[in-house]
Amino acid sequence: METKRKDIKTQIQQGYKLQTLIHMVNKETLREQHRKQQMGKSKGIDGVTKSEYDINLENNLDNLLNRMKNFSCRPEPVKRTYIPKANGKLRLGILAYEDKLVQGAMADVLNEIYENIFLDCSYGFRPKKNCHQAISQINWLLMTKKVNYILDCDIKGFFDNVDHEWLMKFLEHEIEDKNFLRYIKRFLKSGIMEDMKFYESDKRTPQGWLISPVLANVYMHYVLDLWLQKGVIPKLKGEAYLIRYADDFVILCQYEEEAKGIYKLLVERMRKFKLELAEDKTGILPIGRFKGTDETFDFLGFTFYNGRTQTGKYRPIIITSKKKMKQKKETIKKFLYEHMHEFILDVGETIKKKMIGHYAYYGINGNYVQLLKFYKYVKHTWYYTLRKRGQKNKIKYPDFLRIWKFLNIPTPKIYVNIWS
């Protein structure tokens, strides 16, 4: 596999289009994808689970490969399901089991290709890239560059509006293996099953697909990254920088007029590729070392605003956004009330995991106070929830504190250094 990776990188560096990629979806890579699947996951419309597929694994994989070789293997429609979110519901597409294996193997191939092509301004769903690096980079740009304005952008329903024709054209720019592309197109056209009804799909890459993240990055690479970095920014008089995480992005500019000009160009650029900016969530804000304003902007669950160190030097302040803090509080409160009468130690173990997960994401330099507020909220909310378990013999606060101490609920901790 390592040799194949080097071959891909060499061909890309030499400007060749990639051929014979489908052979990288083989028994070895499919078996590896099967190993990665988690037990107990939701079933697709085929109703097959990992444990069922595992019973006759080798024959199942041989049969799948034979069908792929003679092109009789057609992806099943994805089963649409919904998961609750604070701002509504998130639609997910659940794949049939064999489609998960094929998509996983193809996603690995696509990642091998495009990691040699994607620009450094892209941070979402990429190996060795993450949201904290994007946050750290914005912090560094505000601290060191001539940034005075932020173009804060939001795309309406990005994953629901990816145009299949444009996406295939973008893929064909690097990939010449028609069989590999044929299977991607088959997945895109596989359709959706919801409430026992079939719906055709001429656009969309469903969230939940294993290839959706890399396909989304391919789309945005050509629609935004290359266009802005190679065609727009070099023509500006002032400095400008793009930071993108999947479909969320900000553009940091030196001059307001140039930020306005980029915004106008951006509207037309998105329209060309069947996308649309959400006007109510997109705007230009004055912020930076040379802009002593009280303006703020949110990105990836954090709020950015101008601040000063104790010695009076400029420093961006980055804290948990009010919207996300409210959502997190509502989520933990709902969990505590729903599990009010369950065994306290079991509930406590789940709380520990939730707290560690919260700190791992929001535990960045300068955000300790917000972590502490969340810690105190969880502690007091759980206490008052336990008080409602019964009218008689209500738990006393000293007894609750002993339980809290026994469970060793983690206190706030900074996990990520974004200042280095």
Protein backbone atom coordinates (compact mmCIF):
# COMPACT_ATOMS: atom_id res chain seq x y z
CA MET A 1 0.00 0.00 0.00
CA GLU A 2 2.89 2.33 0.78
CA THR A 3 4.24 1.86 -2.75
CA LYS A 4 0.84 2.74 -4.22
CA ARG A 5 0.75 5.91 -2.12
CA LYS A 6 4.15 6.96 -3.45
CA ASP A 7 2.98 6.23 -7.00
CA ILE A 8 -0.06 8.48 -6.52
CA LYS A 9 2.05 11.31 -5.11
CA THR A 10 4.62 11.00 -7.91
CA GLN A 11 1.99 11.04 -10.66
CA ILE A 12 0.30 14.11 -9.17
CA GLN A 13 3.61 15.96 -8.81
CA GLN A 14 4.42 15.20 -12.45
CA GLY A 15 1.01 16.47 -13.58
CA TYR A 16 -0.40 13.13 -14.74
CA LYS A 17 -4.02 12.11 -14.39
CA LEU A 18 -4.52 9.06 -12.22
CA GLN A 19 -5.53 5.78 -13.81
CA THR A 20 -6.33 2.23 -12.59
CA LEU A 21 -7.44 3.34 -9.12
CA ILE A 22 -10.26 0.84 -8.84
CA HIS A 23 -7.76 -1.96 -8.19
CA MET A 24 -7.09 -0.29 -4.82
CA VAL A 25 -10.62 -1.33 -3.82
CA ASN A 26 -9.66 -4.96 -3.31
CA LYS A 27 -10.19 -7.78 -0.85
CA GLU A 28 -7.50 -6.48 1.48
CA THR A 29 -8.88 -2.93 1.67
CA LEU A 30 -12.49 -4.13 1.93
CA ARG A 31 -11.56 -6.49 4.76
CA GLU A 32 -9.85 -3.60 6.52
CA GLN A 33 -13.01 -1.50 6.16
CA HIS A 34 -15.04 -4.37 7.63
CA ARG A 35 -12.67 -4.47 10.60
CA LYS A 36 -13.17 -0.73 11.18
CA GLN A 37 -16.97 -0.96 11.32
CA GLN A 38 -18.43 -0.64 14.80
CA MET A 39 -20.87 -3.11 16.28
CA GLY A 40 -24.41 -1.97 16.98
CA LYS A 41 -24.54 0.72 14.28
CA SER A 42 -27.83 1.52 12.54
CA LYS A 43 -28.70 -0.73 9.60
CA GLY A 44 -29.16 0.44 6.04
CA ILE A 45 -32.08 -0.70 3.91
CA ASP A 46 -30.38 -4.08 3.43
CA GLY A 47 -30.79 -4.80 7.15
CA VAL A 48 -27.31 -6.36 7.34
CA THR A 49 -25.13 -5.93 10.44
CA LYS A 50 -21.40 -6.37 10.89
CA SER A 51 -21.83 -9.57 12.89
CA GLU A 52 -24.07 -11.09 10.21
CA TYR A 53 -21.68 -10.16 7.41
CA ASP A 54 -18.77 -11.55 9.42
CA ILE A 55 -20.24 -15.06 9.57
CA ASN A 56 -19.24 -15.77 5.97
CA LEU A 57 -16.83 -12.88 5.46
CA GLU A 58 -14.42 -14.29 2.88
CA ASN A 59 -17.18 -15.55 0.58
CA ASN A 60 -19.09 -12.30 1.02
CA LEU A 61 -16.06 -10.24 0.01
CA ASP A 62 -15.34 -12.50 -2.98
CA ASN A 63 -18.94 -12.15 -4.11
CA LEU A 64 -18.83 -8.37 -3.71
CA LEU A 65 -15.61 -8.09 -5.72
CA ASN A 66 -16.97 -10.30 -8.51
CA ARG A 67 -20.04 -8.11 -8.79
CA MET A 68 -17.85 -5.00 -8.87
CA LYS A 69 -15.68 -6.47 -11.64
CA ASN A 70 -18.62 -7.20 -13.91
CA PHE A 71 -20.35 -3.93 -12.94
CA SER A 72 -23.46 -5.64 -11.58
CA CYS A 73 -22.81 -4.13 -8.15
CA ARG A 74 -25.14 -1.19 -7.68
CA PRO A 75 -25.32 0.82 -4.45
CA GLU A 76 -28.53 0.59 -2.47
CA PRO A 77 -30.49 3.79 -1.76
CA VAL A 78 -29.43 5.39 1.51
CA LYS A 79 -31.87 5.19 4.39
CA ARG A 80 -32.63 8.67 5.57
CA THR A 81 -32.81 9.24 9.31
CA TYR A 82 -32.83 12.29 11.51
CA ILE A 83 -30.95 13.16 14.66
CA PRO A 84 -31.99 16.09 16.88
CA LYS A 85 -29.92 19.25 16.89
CA ALA A 86 -30.34 22.44 18.86
CA ASN A 87 -31.32 24.32 15.71
CA GLY A 88 -33.62 21.63 14.32
CA LYS A 89 -32.83 18.22 12.85
CA LEU A 90 -29.82 16.89 11.00
CA ARG A 91 -30.51 14.56 8.11
CA LEU A 92 -28.24 11.54 7.86
CA GLY A 93 -27.93 8.95 5.14
CA ILE A 94 -27.34 5.41 6.41
CA LEU A 95 -25.60 3.16 3.90
CA ALA A 96 -26.22 -0.51 3.25
CA TYR A 97 -23.42 -2.58 4.81
CA GLU A 98 -21.49 -3.47 1.64
CA ASP A 99 -21.79 0.12 0.45
CA LYS A 100 -20.06 1.20 3.67
CA LEU A 101 -17.13 -1.08 2.83
CA VAL A 102 -16.82 0.13 -0.76
CA GLN A 103 -17.21 3.80 0.19
CA GLY A 104 -14.66 3.46 2.98
CA ALA A 105 -12.08 1.97 0.61
CA MET A 106 -12.80 4.61 -2.04
CA ALA A 107 -12.61 7.39 0.53
CA ASP A 108 -9.12 6.20 1.50
CA VAL A 109 -8.05 6.35 -2.15
CA LEU A 110 -9.52 9.84 -2.60
CA ASN A 111 -7.77 11.06 0.54
CA GLU A 112 -4.46 9.70 -0.76
CA ILE A 113 -4.99 11.66 -3.97
CA TYR A 114 -6.23 14.96 -2.64
CA GLU A 115 -3.96 15.32 0.36
CA ASN A 116 -1.33 16.08 -2.27
CA ILE A 117 -3.58 18.71 -3.86
CA PHE A 118 -5.61 20.48 -1.17
CA LEU A 119 -4.32 23.85 0.03
CA ASP A 120 -3.14 24.58 3.56
CA CYS A 121 -6.11 26.88 4.20
CA SER A 122 -8.43 23.83 4.36
CA TYR A 123 -8.68 22.16 7.79
CA GLY A 124 -11.86 20.07 7.84
CA PHE A 125 -11.98 16.26 7.57
CA ARG A 126 -8.35 15.90 6.62
CA PRO A 127 -5.63 13.67 8.09
CA LYS A 128 -3.45 15.56 10.58
CA LYS A 129 -5.72 18.63 10.31
CA ASN A 130 -8.35 19.71 12.81
CA CYS A 131 -10.53 22.55 14.03
CA HIS A 132 -8.06 23.64 16.70
CA GLN A 133 -5.41 24.25 14.04
CA ALA A 134 -7.90 26.45 12.17
CA ILE A 135 -8.65 28.39 15.38
CA SER A 136 -4.93 28.72 16.12
CA GLN A 137 -4.23 29.98 12.61
CA ILE A 138 -6.92 32.68 12.87
CA ASN A 139 -5.45 33.72 16.22
CA TRP A 140 -1.97 33.92 14.67
CA LEU A 141 -3.20 35.93 11.68
CA LEU A 142 -5.00 38.43 13.91
CA MET A 143 -1.89 38.76 16.08
CA THR A 144 0.72 39.13 13.36
CA LYS A 145 -0.84 40.23 10.07
CA LYS A 146 -2.52 43.40 8.81
CA VAL A 147 -6.04 42.12 9.40
CA ASN A 148 -8.75 44.72 10.00
CA TYR A 149 -11.90 43.06 8.64
CA ILE A 150 -13.43 39.61 8.78
CA LEU A 151 -15.73 38.35 6.05
CA ASP A 152 -17.74 35.80 8.02
CA CYS A 153 -19.49 33.42 5.58
CA ASP A 154 -22.18 30.77 5.78
CA ILE A 155 -23.41 28.58 2.90
CA LYS A 156 -27.08 27.58 2.87
CA GLY A 157 -27.48 23.80 3.13
CA PHE A 158 -24.14 23.01 1.54
CA PHE A 159 -24.31 19.20 1.68
CA ASP A 160 -27.83 19.29 0.25
CA ASN A 161 -26.82 21.41 -2.73
CA VAL A 162 -23.58 19.93 -4.06
CA ASP A 163 -24.12 19.72 -7.82
CA HIS A 164 -23.26 16.25 -9.14
CA GLU A 165 -22.25 17.38 -12.62
CA TRP A 166 -19.79 19.94 -11.32
CA LEU A 167 -18.46 17.48 -8.75
CA MET A 168 -17.75 14.87 -11.43
CA LYS A 169 -15.98 17.50 -13.56
CA PHE A 170 -13.77 18.41 -10.62
CA LEU A 171 -12.91 14.75 -9.99
CA GLU A 172 -12.13 14.20 -13.67
CA HIS A 173 -9.53 16.95 -13.44
CA GLU A 174 -7.25 14.54 -11.54
CA ILE A 175 -8.78 11.09 -12.10
CA GLU A 176 -8.94 9.29 -15.43
CA ASP A 177 -10.04 5.89 -14.15
CA LYS A 178 -13.54 5.67 -15.62
CA ASN A 179 -14.45 2.62 -13.54
CA PHE A 180 -13.55 4.38 -10.30
CA LEU A 181 -15.52 7.45 -11.34
CA ARG A 182 -18.42 5.26 -12.43
CA TYR A 183 -18.84 3.93 -8.89
CA ILE A 184 -18.73 7.41 -7.40
CA LYS A 185 -21.44 8.47 -9.82
CA ARG A 186 -23.50 5.40 -8.95
CA PHE A 187 -23.33 6.34 -5.29
CA LEU A 188 -24.37 9.91 -6.06
CA LYS A 189 -27.35 8.64 -8.08
CA SER A 190 -28.33 5.84 -5.70
CA GLY A 191 -31.28 7.77 -4.30
CA ILE A 192 -32.89 8.00 -0.87
CA MET A 193 -35.42 5.87 1.00
CA GLU A 194 -37.60 7.65 3.53
CA ASP A 195 -40.84 6.30 5.03
CA MET A 196 -40.78 3.46 2.46
CA LYS A 197 -40.68 5.94 -0.43
CA PHE A 198 -37.87 6.26 -2.97
CA TYR A 199 -36.54 9.68 -3.96
CA GLU A 200 -34.12 10.29 -6.81
CA SER A 201 -31.04 12.41 -6.09
CA ASP A 202 -29.56 14.78 -8.67
CA LYS A 203 -27.68 16.78 -6.06
CA ARG A 204 -26.51 16.28 -2.47
CA THR A 205 -23.79 14.28 -0.73
CA PRO A 206 -25.61 12.92 2.35
CA GLN A 207 -24.02 13.51 5.72
CA GLY A 208 -23.24 10.06 7.03
CA TRP A 209 -21.61 8.86 3.82
CA LEU A 210 -17.98 7.85 4.21
CA ILE A 211 -17.01 9.66 1.02
CA SER A 212 -19.03 12.82 1.73
CA PRO A 213 -16.27 14.66 3.65
CA VAL A 214 -13.61 14.26 0.97
CA LEU A 215 -16.09 14.95 -1.86
CA ALA A 216 -17.20 18.11 -0.05
CA ASN A 217 -13.57 19.19 0.25
CA VAL A 218 -13.01 18.51 -3.46
CA TYR A 219 -16.01 20.67 -4.33
CA MET A 220 -14.92 23.56 -2.09
CA HIS A 221 -11.30 23.23 -3.22
CA TYR A 222 -12.27 24.15 -6.77
CA VAL A 223 -15.19 26.45 -6.01
CA LEU A 224 -13.48 28.50 -3.29
CA ASP A 225 -9.90 27.67 -2.28
CA LEU A 226 -8.14 27.67 -5.65
CA TRP A 227 -10.24 30.51 -7.02
CA LEU A 228 -9.60 32.77 -4.04
CA GLN A 229 -5.96 31.90 -3.35
CA LYS A 230 -4.78 31.85 -6.95
CA GLY A 231 -7.20 34.16 -8.76
CA VAL A 232 -8.47 36.81 -6.32
CA ILE A 233 -6.04 37.44 -3.46
CA PRO A 234 -2.95 38.00 -5.68
CA LYS A 235 -4.78 40.91 -7.36
CA LEU A 236 -5.52 42.74 -4.09
CA LYS A 237 -3.53 45.71 -2.82
CA GLY A 238 -3.81 44.61 0.79
CA GLU A 239 -3.43 41.33 2.63
CA ALA A 240 -6.15 38.68 2.70
CA TYR A 241 -6.31 35.15 4.09
CA LEU A 242 -8.77 32.26 3.84
CA ILE A 243 -9.44 29.75 6.63
CA ARG A 244 -11.93 26.98 5.78
CA TYR A 245 -13.27 24.03 7.74
CA ALA A 246 -15.51 21.95 5.43
CA ASP A 247 -18.24 24.41 4.34
CA ASP A 248 -17.53 26.96 7.12
CA PHE A 249 -15.02 29.64 6.26
CA VAL A 250 -13.81 33.13 7.06
CA ILE A 251 -11.78 35.55 4.96
CA LEU A 252 -9.51 37.96 6.82
CA CYS A 253 -8.80 41.23 4.97
CA GLN A 254 -6.72 44.34 5.43
CA TYR A 255 -9.05 46.77 3.65
CA GLU A 256 -12.82 47.09 4.00
CA GLU A 257 -13.38 47.94 0.33
CA GLU A 258 -11.52 44.82 -0.76
CA ALA A 259 -13.55 42.74 1.70
CA LYS A 260 -16.71 44.15 0.14
CA GLY A 261 -15.36 43.39 -3.33
CA ILE A 262 -14.61 39.78 -2.38
CA TYR A 263 -18.12 39.44 -0.95
CA LYS A 264 -19.68 40.52 -4.26
CA LEU A 265 -17.47 38.16 -6.24
CA LEU A 266 -18.23 35.39 -3.77
CA VAL A 267 -21.99 35.69 -4.27
CA GLU A 268 -21.57 35.25 -8.03
CA ARG A 269 -19.03 32.46 -7.62
CA MET A 270 -21.36 30.46 -5.36
CA ARG A 271 -24.30 30.98 -7.71
CA LYS A 272 -22.27 29.62 -10.62
CA PHE A 273 -21.76 26.34 -8.77
CA LYS A 274 -25.36 26.07 -7.49
CA LEU A 275 -24.58 27.28 -3.98
CA GLU A 276 -25.90 30.27 -2.05
CA LEU A 277 -24.62 32.35 0.83
CA ALA A 278 -26.99 32.83 3.75
CA GLU A 279 -27.26 36.64 3.79
CA ASP A 280 -28.45 36.76 7.40
CA LYS A 281 -25.37 34.83 8.54
CA THR A 282 -22.80 36.44 6.26
CA GLY A 283 -21.24 39.84 6.88
CA ILE A 284 -18.12 42.00 7.17
CA LEU A 285 -16.94 42.89 10.67
CA PRO A 286 -14.15 45.24 11.81
CA ILE A 287 -11.76 43.31 14.04
CA GLY A 288 -8.00 43.11 14.46
CA ARG A 289 -4.95 44.78 16.01
CA PHE A 290 -5.72 48.14 14.43
CA LYS A 291 -9.49 48.03 14.99
CA GLY A 292 -10.39 48.77 18.59
CA THR A 293 -14.02 47.72 18.21
CA ASP A 294 -16.37 45.58 20.26
CA GLU A 295 -17.42 43.49 17.25
CA THR A 296 -17.33 39.71 17.52
CA PHE A 297 -17.63 36.77 15.15
CA ASP A 298 -18.28 33.06 15.71
CA PHE A 299 -16.40 30.23 14.05
CA LEU A 300 -16.50 26.51 14.85
CA GLY A 301 -18.30 27.07 18.15
CA PHE A 302 -15.98 29.83 19.41
CA THR A 303 -16.48 33.59 19.66
CA PHE A 304 -13.59 35.88 18.69
CA TYR A 305 -13.23 39.46 19.89
CA ASN A 306 -10.51 42.05 20.49
CA GLY A 307 -8.74 42.00 23.83
CA ARG A 308 -5.58 42.99 25.70
CA THR A 309 -3.03 41.18 27.83
CA GLN A 310 -2.24 42.37 31.35
CA THR A 311 0.63 44.40 29.91
CA GLY A 312 -1.67 46.12 27.41
CA LYS A 313 -0.65 44.23 24.29
CA TYR A 314 -3.26 43.22 21.74
CA ARG A 315 -4.58 39.66 21.93
CA PRO A 316 -7.66 38.07 20.35
CA ILE A 317 -9.97 36.64 23.00
CA ILE A 318 -11.44 33.28 21.98
CA ILE A 319 -14.15 31.73 24.14
CA THR A 320 -17.03 29.28 23.84
CA SER A 321 -19.81 31.00 21.89
CA LYS A 322 -23.00 31.84 23.78
CA LYS A 323 -25.01 29.78 21.31
CA LYS A 324 -22.89 26.68 21.83
CA MET A 325 -22.75 27.13 25.59
CA LYS A 326 -26.55 27.33 25.70
CA GLN A 327 -26.85 24.21 23.54
CA LYS A 328 -24.39 22.27 25.73
CA LYS A 329 -26.23 23.27 28.89
CA GLU A 330 -29.58 22.28 27.44
CA THR A 331 -28.18 18.94 26.30
CA ILE A 332 -26.70 18.04 29.70
CA LYS A 333 -29.83 19.20 31.53
CA LYS A 334 -32.01 17.03 29.30
CA PHE A 335 -29.72 14.04 29.85
CA LEU A 336 -29.78 14.48 33.63
CA TYR A 337 -33.57 14.73 33.77
CA GLU A 338 -34.07 11.75 31.47
CA HIS A 339 -31.75 9.61 33.64
CA MET A 340 -32.86 11.04 36.97
CA HIS A 341 -33.92 7.70 38.46
CA GLU A 342 -31.08 5.57 37.12
CA PHE A 343 -28.16 4.25 39.17
CA ILE A 344 -26.16 7.31 40.24
CA LEU A 345 -22.72 5.81 39.59
CA ASP A 346 -23.67 4.86 36.01
CA VAL A 347 -24.96 8.37 35.34
CA GLY A 348 -21.79 9.77 36.88
CA GLU A 349 -19.57 7.76 34.54
CA THR A 350 -21.45 9.18 31.55
CA ILE A 351 -21.12 12.70 32.95
CA LYS A 352 -17.36 12.19 33.23
CA LYS A 353 -17.15 11.23 29.56
CA LYS A 354 -19.25 14.22 28.54
CA MET A 355 -17.12 16.60 30.60
CA ILE A 356 -13.86 15.25 29.16
CA GLY A 357 -15.28 15.56 25.64
CA HIS A 358 -16.31 19.16 26.34
CA TYR A 359 -12.88 20.08 27.71
CA ALA A 360 -11.12 18.33 24.82
CA TYR A 361 -12.93 20.55 22.31
CA TYR A 362 -13.36 23.85 24.16
CA GLY A 363 -10.26 23.60 26.35
CA ILE A 364 -8.12 26.16 24.54
CA ASN A 365 -5.94 28.96 25.92
CA GLY A 366 -8.01 31.82 27.31
CA ASN A 367 -11.22 29.82 27.66
CA TYR A 368 -10.76 28.48 31.22
CA VAL A 369 -13.47 30.70 32.72
CA GLN A 370 -16.08 29.34 30.29
CA LEU A 371 -14.99 25.77 31.08
CA LEU A 372 -15.38 26.51 34.78
CA LYS A 373 -18.87 27.94 34.22
CA PHE A 374 -19.89 24.75 32.43
CA TYR A 375 -18.37 22.61 35.19
CA LYS A 376 -20.33 24.49 37.87
CA TYR A 377 -23.53 24.33 35.83
CA VAL A 378 -23.30 20.55 35.45
CA LYS A 379 -22.52 20.11 39.14
CA HIS A 380 -25.44 22.22 40.39
CA THR A 381 -27.89 20.95 37.78
CA TRP A 382 -27.19 17.34 38.71
CA TYR A 383 -27.61 18.13 42.40
CA TYR A 384 -31.01 19.78 41.90
CA THR A 385 -32.05 16.97 39.57
CA LEU A 386 -31.24 14.35 42.22
CA ARG A 387 -33.21 16.39 44.74
CA LYS A 388 -36.31 15.76 42.63
CA ARG A 389 -35.95 11.98 42.71
CA GLY A 390 -38.34 11.74 45.65
CA GLN A 391 -40.31 13.88 48.06
CA LYS A 392 -38.90 12.12 51.12
CA ASN A 393 -35.27 11.84 52.18
CA LYS A 394 -34.03 14.30 49.58
CA ILE A 395 -30.30 14.19 49.06
CA LYS A 396 -28.34 16.72 51.11
CA TYR A 397 -25.61 18.80 49.49
CA PRO A 398 -22.77 17.34 51.65
CA ASP A 399 -23.87 13.84 50.59
CA PHE A 400 -23.94 14.93 46.95
CA LEU A 401 -20.43 16.37 47.28
CA ARG A 402 -19.17 13.03 48.60
CA ILE A 403 -20.66 11.30 45.55
CA TRP A 404 -19.16 13.95 43.25
CA LYS A 405 -15.75 13.48 44.86
CA PHE A 406 -16.01 9.69 44.77
CA LEU A 407 -16.81 9.75 41.04
CA ASN A 408 -13.76 11.99 40.49
CA ILE A 409 -15.60 14.24 38.02
CA PRO A 410 -12.81 16.04 36.14
CA THR A 411 -12.26 19.73 36.77
CA PRO A 412 -11.65 22.10 33.83
CA LYS A 413 -8.40 21.66 31.97
CA ILE A 414 -6.76 23.32 28.98
CA TYR A 415 -6.16 20.56 26.44
CA VAL A 416 -5.01 22.56 23.41
CA ASN A 417 -2.36 25.26 23.23
CA ILE A 418 -3.35 27.60 20.41
CA TRP A 419 -0.77 30.22 21.38
CA SER A 420 2.31 28.18 20.44
